[in-house]
C-alpha atoms as a PDB file:
ATOM      1  CA  MET A   1       0.000   0.000   0.000  1.00  0.00           C
ATOM      2  CA  SER A   2       1.401   3.399  -0.948  1.00  0.00           C
ATOM      3  CA  VAL A   3       2.155   6.080   1.606  1.00  0.00           C
ATOM      4  CA  LEU A   4      -0.561   8.281   0.128  1.00  0.00           C
ATOM      5  CA  LYS A   5      -3.152   5.519   0.447  1.00  0.00           C
ATOM      6  CA  ARG A   6      -2.136   4.910   4.059  1.00  0.00           C
ATOM      7  CA  LEU A   7      -2.435   8.622   4.793  1.00  0.00           C
ATOM      8  CA  ALA A   8      -5.849   8.708   3.124  1.00  0.00           C
ATOM      9  CA  TYR A   9      -6.954   5.733   5.205  1.00  0.00           C
ATOM     10  CA  ALA A  10      -5.721   7.435   8.397  1.00  0.00           C
ATOM     11  CA  LEU A  11      -7.576  10.625   7.455  1.00  0.00           C
ATOM     12  CA  ASP A  12     -10.664   8.666   6.387  1.00  0.00           C
ATOM     13  CA  CYS A  13     -10.719  10.291   2.948  1.00  0.00           C
ATOM     14  CA  SER A  14      -9.830   9.517  -0.661  1.00  0.00           C
ATOM     15  CA  PRO A  15      -6.198   9.517  -1.842  1.00  0.00           C
ATOM     16  CA  ALA A  16      -6.999  12.530  -4.035  1.00  0.00           C
ATOM     17  CA  LEU A  17      -8.216  14.509  -1.032  1.00  0.00           C
ATOM     18  CA  ALA A  18      -5.175  13.440   1.008  1.00  0.00           C
ATOM     19  CA  ALA A  19      -2.940  14.636  -1.844  1.00  0.00           C
ATOM     20  CA  SER A  20      -4.758  17.969  -1.913  1.00  0.00           C
ATOM     21  CA  PHE A  21      -4.166  18.319   1.845  1.00  0.00           C
ATOM     22  CA  LEU A  22      -0.447  17.748   1.287  1.00  0.00           C
ATOM     23  CA  ILE A  23      -0.295  20.259  -1.554  1.00  0.00           C
ATOM     24  CA  GLU A  24      -2.137  22.873   0.491  1.00  0.00           C
ATOM     25  CA  ALA A  25       0.128  22.262   3.497  1.00  0.00           C
ATOM     26  CA  SER A  26       3.242  22.648   1.339  1.00  0.00           C
ATOM     27  CA  ILE A  27       1.954  25.914  -0.120  1.00  0.00           C
ATOM     28  CA  ARG A  28       1.085  27.339   3.302  1.00  0.00           C
ATOM     29  CA  ASN A  29       4.264  26.129   4.982  1.00  0.00           C
ATOM     30  CA  SER A  30       7.248  26.759   2.738  1.00  0.00           C
ATOM     31  CA  ASP A  31       9.634  26.100   5.647  1.00  0.00           C
ATOM     32  CA  PHE A  32       8.461  22.477   5.620  1.00  0.00           C
ATOM     33  CA  VAL A  33       9.192  22.184   1.900  1.00  0.00           C
ATOM     34  CA  ASP A  34      12.641  23.754   2.348  1.00  0.00           C
ATOM     35  CA  GLU A  35      13.470  21.390   5.204  1.00  0.00           C
ATOM     36  CA  TYR A  36      12.252  18.356   3.267  1.00  0.00           C
ATOM     37  CA  MET A  37      14.185  19.388   0.176  1.00  0.00           C
ATOM     38  CA  THR A  38      17.345  19.996   2.201  1.00  0.00           C
ATOM     39  CA  ARG A  39      17.120  16.539   3.773  1.00  0.00           C
ATOM     40  CA  HIS A  40      16.511  14.971   0.364  1.00  0.00           C
ATOM     41  CA  LEU A  41      19.490  16.787  -1.153  1.00  0.00           C
ATOM     42  CA  GLU A  42      21.697  15.705   1.755  1.00  0.00           C
ATOM     43  CA  GLU A  43      20.851  12.114   0.829  1.00  0.00           C
ATOM     44  CA  GLU A  44      21.326  12.633  -2.926  1.00  0.00           C
ATOM     45  CA  LEU A  45      24.428  14.861  -3.041  1.00  0.00           C
ATOM     46  CA  ASP A  46      27.876  14.495  -1.553  1.00  0.00           C
ATOM     47  CA  GLN A  47      29.008  17.110   0.965  1.00  0.00           C
ATOM     48  CA  GLY A  48      31.072  18.997  -1.610  1.00  0.00           C
ATOM     49  CA  ARG A  49      28.157  19.435  -4.000  1.00  0.00           C
ATOM     50  CA  LEU A  50      25.825  20.448  -1.177  1.00  0.00           C
ATOM     51  CA  ARG A  51      28.367  23.040  -0.039  1.00  0.00           C
ATOM     52  CA  GLU A  52      28.607  24.376  -3.614  1.00  0.00           C
ATOM     53  CA  LEU A  53      24.830  24.670  -3.820  1.00  0.00           C
ATOM     54  CA  LYS A  54      24.710  26.588  -0.535  1.00  0.00           C
ATOM     55  CA  GLU A  55      27.501  28.879  -1.752  1.00  0.00           C
ATOM     56  CA  VAL A  56      25.507  29.631  -4.918  1.00  0.00           C
ATOM     57  CA  LEU A  57      22.483  30.490  -2.781  1.00  0.00           C
ATOM     58  CA  LYS A  58      24.615  32.667  -0.500  1.00  0.00           C
ATOM     59  CA  PHE A  59      26.036  34.490  -3.538  1.00  0.00           C
ATOM     60  CA  ILE A  60      22.563  35.051  -5.005  1.00  0.00           C
ATOM     61  CA  ASN A  61      21.201  36.461  -1.749  1.00  0.00           C
ATOM     62  CA  LYS A  62      24.259  38.677  -1.199  1.00  0.00           C
ATOM     63  CA  ASN A  63      24.133  40.156  -4.716  1.00  0.00           C
ATOM     64  CA  ASN A  64      20.379  40.441  -5.142  1.00  0.00           C
ATOM     65  CA  PRO A  65      19.554  44.092  -5.902  1.00  0.00           C
ATOM     66  CA  TYR A  66      15.939  43.603  -4.761  1.00  0.00           C
ATOM     67  CA  LYS A  67      16.985  42.594  -1.224  1.00  0.00           C
ATOM     68  CA  GLU A  68      14.668  39.606  -1.398  1.00  0.00           C
ATOM     69  CA  GLU A  69      15.896  36.492   0.423  1.00  0.00           C
ATOM     70  CA  TYR A  70      15.805  33.380  -1.752  1.00  0.00           C
ATOM     71  CA  SER A  71      15.483  29.948  -0.205  1.00  0.00           C
ATOM     72  CA  LEU A  72      16.932  26.626  -1.222  1.00  0.00           C
ATOM     73  CA  HIS A  73      13.475  25.756  -2.530  1.00  0.00           C
ATOM     74  CA  ASN A  74      13.554  28.793  -4.851  1.00  0.00           C
ATOM     75  CA  LEU A  75      16.964  27.811  -6.191  1.00  0.00           C
ATOM     76  CA  ILE A  76      15.962  24.185  -6.749  1.00  0.00           C
ATOM     77  CA  SER A  77      12.799  25.305  -8.557  1.00  0.00           C
ATOM     78  CA  TYR A  78      14.933  27.486 -10.819  1.00  0.00           C
ATOM     79  CA  ILE A  79      17.364  24.632 -11.508  1.00  0.00           C
ATOM     80  CA  MET A  80      14.554  22.221 -12.331  1.00  0.00           C
ATOM     81  CA  ASP A  81      13.012  24.783 -14.704  1.00  0.00           C
ATOM     82  CA  GLU A  82      16.364  25.212 -16.435  1.00  0.00           C
ATOM     83  CA  LEU A  83      16.830  21.458 -16.822  1.00  0.00           C
ATOM     84  CA  LYS A  84      13.295  20.320 -17.637  1.00  0.00           C
ATOM     85  CA  VAL A  85      14.472  18.312 -20.600  1.00  0.00           C
ATOM     86  CA  GLY A  86      16.494  15.330 -19.487  1.00  0.00           C
ATOM     87  CA  ALA A  87      15.917  15.821 -15.771  1.00  0.00           C
ATOM     88  CA  THR A  88      15.648  12.410 -14.178  1.00  0.00           C
ATOM     89  CA  ASN A  89      15.781  13.156 -10.483  1.00  0.00           C
ATOM     90  CA  LEU A  90      16.542  16.028  -8.155  1.00  0.00           C
ATOM     91  CA  GLY A  91      20.047  14.961  -7.177  1.00  0.00           C
ATOM     92  CA  SER A  92      21.355  14.382 -10.693  1.00  0.00           C
ATOM     93  CA  SER A  93      19.669  17.562 -11.954  1.00  0.00           C
ATOM     94  CA  VAL A  94      21.372  19.674  -9.294  1.00  0.00           C
ATOM     95  CA  GLN A  95      24.734  18.031 -10.001  1.00  0.00           C
ATOM     96  CA  ASN A  96      24.338  18.626 -13.752  1.00  0.00           C
ATOM     97  CA  TRP A  97      23.439  22.267 -13.155  1.00  0.00           C
ATOM     98  CA  LEU A  98      26.400  22.838 -10.824  1.00  0.00           C
ATOM     99  CA  GLU A  99      28.721  21.260 -13.419  1.00  0.00           C
ATOM    100  CA  SER A 100      27.320  23.478 -16.166  1.00  0.00           C
ATOM    101  CA  MET A 101      27.926  26.549 -13.980  1.00  0.00           C
ATOM    102  CA  GLN A 102      31.554  25.479 -13.414  1.00  0.00           C
ATOM    103  CA  HIS A 103      32.116  25.184 -17.166  1.00  0.00           C
ATOM    104  CA  LYS A 104      30.804  28.721 -17.697  1.00  0.00           C
ATOM    105  CA  LYS A 105      33.513  30.224 -15.446  1.00  0.00           C
END
């Protein structure tokens, strides 16, 4: 039984409604999404790549003329948009993007 079906059973609702609850919760609580994404990236990337990603985010926030603070979630969304074609999973997409940025230097 899938995790979504088990959640739906626990909530006494359909899997579609359980999914909508999760989507709504992620929209209302972006800190949760950032934390989840960070944990997932820690599992997918080695420490060097994760450090590079955090340095890119630090650079973006330091040099942003609009003084808006970007989160890891914002950066990952941007990377996934850039690599829509050929993106297989989050970890490999981030690694491919970081490598492409190194080649541009």
